[in-house]
Protein backbone atom coordinates (compact mmCIF):
# COMPACT_ATOMS: atom_id res chain seq x y z
CA MET A 1 0.00 0.00 0.00
CA ALA A 2 1.21 3.45 -0.88
CA ILE A 3 -0.16 6.91 -1.55
CA ALA A 4 -0.88 7.42 -5.24
CA GLY A 5 0.63 10.32 -7.14
CA THR A 6 -0.50 12.25 -10.18
CA GLU A 7 1.49 9.83 -12.37
CA ASP A 8 -0.98 7.13 -11.24
CA ILE A 9 -4.08 8.98 -12.46
CA PRO A 10 -4.43 7.05 -15.76
CA GLN A 11 -4.34 3.70 -13.93
CA LEU A 12 -6.68 4.96 -11.18
CA GLU A 13 -9.18 6.24 -13.73
CA ALA A 14 -9.20 2.93 -15.60
CA LEU A 15 -9.44 0.89 -12.39
CA ILE A 16 -12.26 2.91 -10.81
CA ASN A 17 -14.31 2.93 -14.00
CA SER A 18 -13.79 -0.82 -14.50
CA ALA A 19 -14.89 -1.54 -10.92
CA TYR A 20 -18.13 0.45 -11.12
CA ARG A 21 -19.29 0.71 -14.73
CA GLY A 22 -19.57 -1.05 -18.05
CA ASP A 23 -19.30 -4.71 -18.95
CA ALA A 24 -15.95 -5.12 -17.16
CA SER A 25 -17.56 -4.16 -13.84
CA LYS A 26 -20.10 -6.97 -14.17
CA LYS A 27 -17.29 -9.50 -13.66
CA GLY A 28 -17.12 -8.30 -10.04
CA TRP A 29 -19.78 -7.74 -7.41
CA THR A 30 -19.36 -3.97 -6.93
CA THR A 31 -20.86 -2.85 -10.24
CA GLU A 32 -23.25 0.08 -10.49
CA ALA A 33 -23.90 -0.60 -14.19
CA ASP A 34 -27.45 -1.84 -13.55
CA ILE A 35 -28.54 1.23 -11.56
CA LEU A 36 -26.64 4.12 -13.20
CA GLU A 37 -26.27 5.03 -16.86
CA GLY A 38 -22.92 5.62 -18.51
CA GLU A 39 -19.56 3.96 -18.77
CA ILE A 40 -17.70 6.57 -16.70
CA ARG A 41 -17.64 6.75 -12.89
CA THR A 42 -14.80 9.27 -12.78
CA ASP A 43 -12.29 11.04 -15.00
CA SER A 44 -8.72 12.30 -14.78
CA ASN A 45 -9.77 15.91 -14.09
CA PHE A 46 -11.85 14.89 -11.08
CA LEU A 47 -9.11 12.59 -9.75
CA GLU A 48 -6.49 15.33 -10.08
CA LYS A 49 -8.79 17.79 -8.29
CA GLN A 50 -9.36 15.34 -5.42
CA MET A 51 -5.62 14.59 -5.18
CA GLY A 52 -4.91 18.30 -4.91
CA LYS A 53 -6.96 18.74 -1.75
CA LYS A 54 -4.79 19.46 1.27
CA GLU A 55 -5.92 16.61 3.54
CA ALA A 56 -6.83 14.06 0.88
CA CYS A 57 -5.14 11.17 -0.89
CA PHE A 58 -5.70 7.99 -2.81
CA ILE A 59 -4.19 4.85 -1.30
CA LYS A 60 -3.19 2.35 -3.96
CA CYS A 61 -2.53 -1.37 -3.88
CA SER A 62 -0.29 -2.63 -6.66
CA ASN A 63 0.49 -6.15 -7.83
CA ASP A 64 4.00 -7.55 -8.34
CA GLU A 65 4.11 -6.09 -11.86
CA GLY A 66 3.30 -2.59 -10.58
CA ALA A 67 -0.27 -2.47 -11.89
CA ILE A 68 -2.73 -0.81 -9.52
CA VAL A 69 -5.36 -3.40 -8.55
CA GLY A 70 -7.07 -1.50 -5.72
CA THR A 71 -7.54 2.05 -4.51
CA VAL A 72 -9.50 4.13 -2.03
CA TYR A 73 -9.99 7.89 -1.70
CA LEU A 74 -9.55 9.36 1.78
CA GLU A 75 -10.15 12.92 2.93
CA LYS A 76 -9.96 14.35 6.44
CA ILE A 77 -13.00 16.50 7.13
CA ASN A 78 -13.01 18.01 10.61
CA ASN A 79 -12.28 15.09 12.95
CA GLN A 80 -13.51 12.40 10.55
CA LEU A 81 -12.03 10.61 7.57
CA TYR A 82 -14.26 10.38 4.51
CA LEU A 83 -13.80 7.15 2.54
CA GLY A 84 -14.88 7.03 -1.09
CA MET A 85 -14.38 5.23 -4.39
CA LEU A 86 -13.04 2.05 -2.81
CA SER A 87 -12.26 0.10 -5.97
CA VAL A 88 -10.79 -3.32 -6.65
CA SER A 89 -10.18 -4.68 -10.11
CA PRO A 90 -13.17 -6.92 -10.94
CA ASN A 91 -10.91 -9.89 -11.67
CA GLN A 92 -9.13 -9.43 -8.31
CA GLN A 93 -12.20 -9.13 -6.08
CA GLY A 94 -12.71 -11.60 -3.27
CA ILE A 95 -9.02 -12.11 -2.39
CA GLY A 96 -8.69 -9.52 0.40
CA ILE A 97 -7.57 -6.35 -1.40
CA GLY A 98 -10.63 -4.40 -0.25
CA LYS A 99 -10.07 -5.50 3.34
CA HIS A 100 -6.43 -4.35 3.16
CA LEU A 101 -7.56 -0.98 1.80
CA LEU A 102 -9.98 -0.61 4.73
CA HIS A 103 -7.14 -1.36 7.17
CA ALA A 104 -4.96 1.25 5.43
CA ALA A 105 -7.81 3.76 5.80
CA GLU A 106 -8.08 2.98 9.51
CA ASP A 107 -4.31 3.42 9.92
CA ARG A 108 -4.53 6.80 8.19
CA ALA A 109 -7.48 7.84 10.36
CA ARG A 110 -5.48 7.03 13.50
CA LYS A 111 -2.44 8.88 12.16
CA LEU A 112 -4.58 11.97 11.47
CA GLY A 113 -6.33 11.77 14.87
CA CYS A 114 -9.78 11.10 13.39
CA ALA A 115 -12.56 9.84 15.64
CA SER A 116 -14.27 7.90 12.86
CA ILE A 117 -14.41 7.00 9.19
CA TYR A 118 -17.60 7.60 7.23
CA MET A 119 -18.82 6.96 3.72
CA THR A 120 -21.93 7.21 1.60
CA VAL A 121 -23.25 4.08 -0.10
CA ILE A 122 -26.21 3.80 -2.45
CA SER A 123 -28.89 2.47 -0.11
CA ILE A 124 -30.09 -0.38 -2.36
CA ARG A 125 -26.59 -1.92 -2.56
CA ALA A 126 -27.40 -4.51 0.12
CA GLU A 127 -24.48 -6.85 -0.59
CA LEU A 128 -21.96 -3.99 -0.46
CA ILE A 129 -23.50 -2.56 2.72
CA ALA A 130 -23.36 -6.00 4.33
CA TRP A 131 -19.65 -6.25 3.42
CA TYR A 132 -18.91 -2.93 5.13
CA ILE A 133 -20.96 -3.97 8.18
CA ARG A 134 -18.89 -7.16 8.44
CA HIS A 135 -15.86 -4.87 8.62
CA GLY A 136 -17.21 -2.83 11.52
CA TYR A 137 -19.13 -0.05 9.78
CA LEU A 138 -22.58 0.81 11.09
CA ASP A 139 -25.62 2.50 9.58
CA SER A 140 -25.57 6.00 11.06
CA GLY A 141 -29.28 6.42 10.31
CA LYS A 142 -28.50 9.39 8.04
CA LYS A 143 -29.69 9.49 4.44
CA VAL A 144 -28.35 11.80 1.73
CA PRO A 145 -30.16 12.60 -1.51
CA PHE A 146 -28.57 11.27 -4.70
CA ASN A 147 -27.92 14.57 -6.44
CA GLY A 148 -24.89 13.67 -8.47
CA GLU A 149 -25.94 12.97 -12.06
CA ASP A 150 -23.01 15.00 -13.38
CA LYS A 151 -20.63 13.32 -10.92
CA TYR A 152 -21.92 9.74 -10.64
CA GLY A 153 -24.17 9.15 -13.65
CA LYS A 154 -27.91 9.32 -14.27
CA PRO A 155 -29.88 6.91 -12.06
CA LYS A 156 -32.01 4.30 -13.82
CA ILE A 157 -34.20 4.15 -10.69
CA PRO A 158 -34.70 6.57 -7.76
CA LEU A 159 -31.66 6.43 -5.46
CA GLU A 160 -30.39 7.79 -2.17
CA PHE A 161 -27.23 7.38 -0.16
CA MET A 162 -27.00 6.02 3.34
CA VAL A 163 -24.14 7.03 5.60
CA LEU A 164 -22.04 4.29 7.18
CA GLU A 165 -19.60 5.06 9.97
CA LYS A 166 -16.93 3.28 11.97
CA LYS A 167 -15.47 4.61 15.19
CA ILE A 168 -11.69 4.51 15.32
CA GLU A 169 -9.87 3.24 18.37
CA SER A 170 -6.59 5.02 19.12
């Protein structure tokens, strides 16, 4: 695990889009292709903008050949760490990369003195929510409207986000 740099943006863009959208994403279990239109989940401009934020980074997991097979976006907001775009290559899912990325996020949260990690997950993604719950995240009871057509894609059905949170032990 390492912090990604701007030189990694092309690989990150390809990985994130393959994990969430299009036919490639359907090889894994994290696809959004059936609920959101479009082949693009993110682009290089957005990734560069996120990387440029002062208290934000992408953690990357690379294979022995140097290809990025997993990533997660982390941003400190007040005393919490926001976790987003956790992505694992569809043909590498189910072997523990996601779990290692969650552990790296928890390590970063501790290092930054954060009290918790939180994320938004599309509320109908039951299998994904269950995976996060198995890793210690809880439903905060908060819901957030899905207002991100320009950012996430146009919903094929009405959607909302739920907020999951995990307290961090020092």
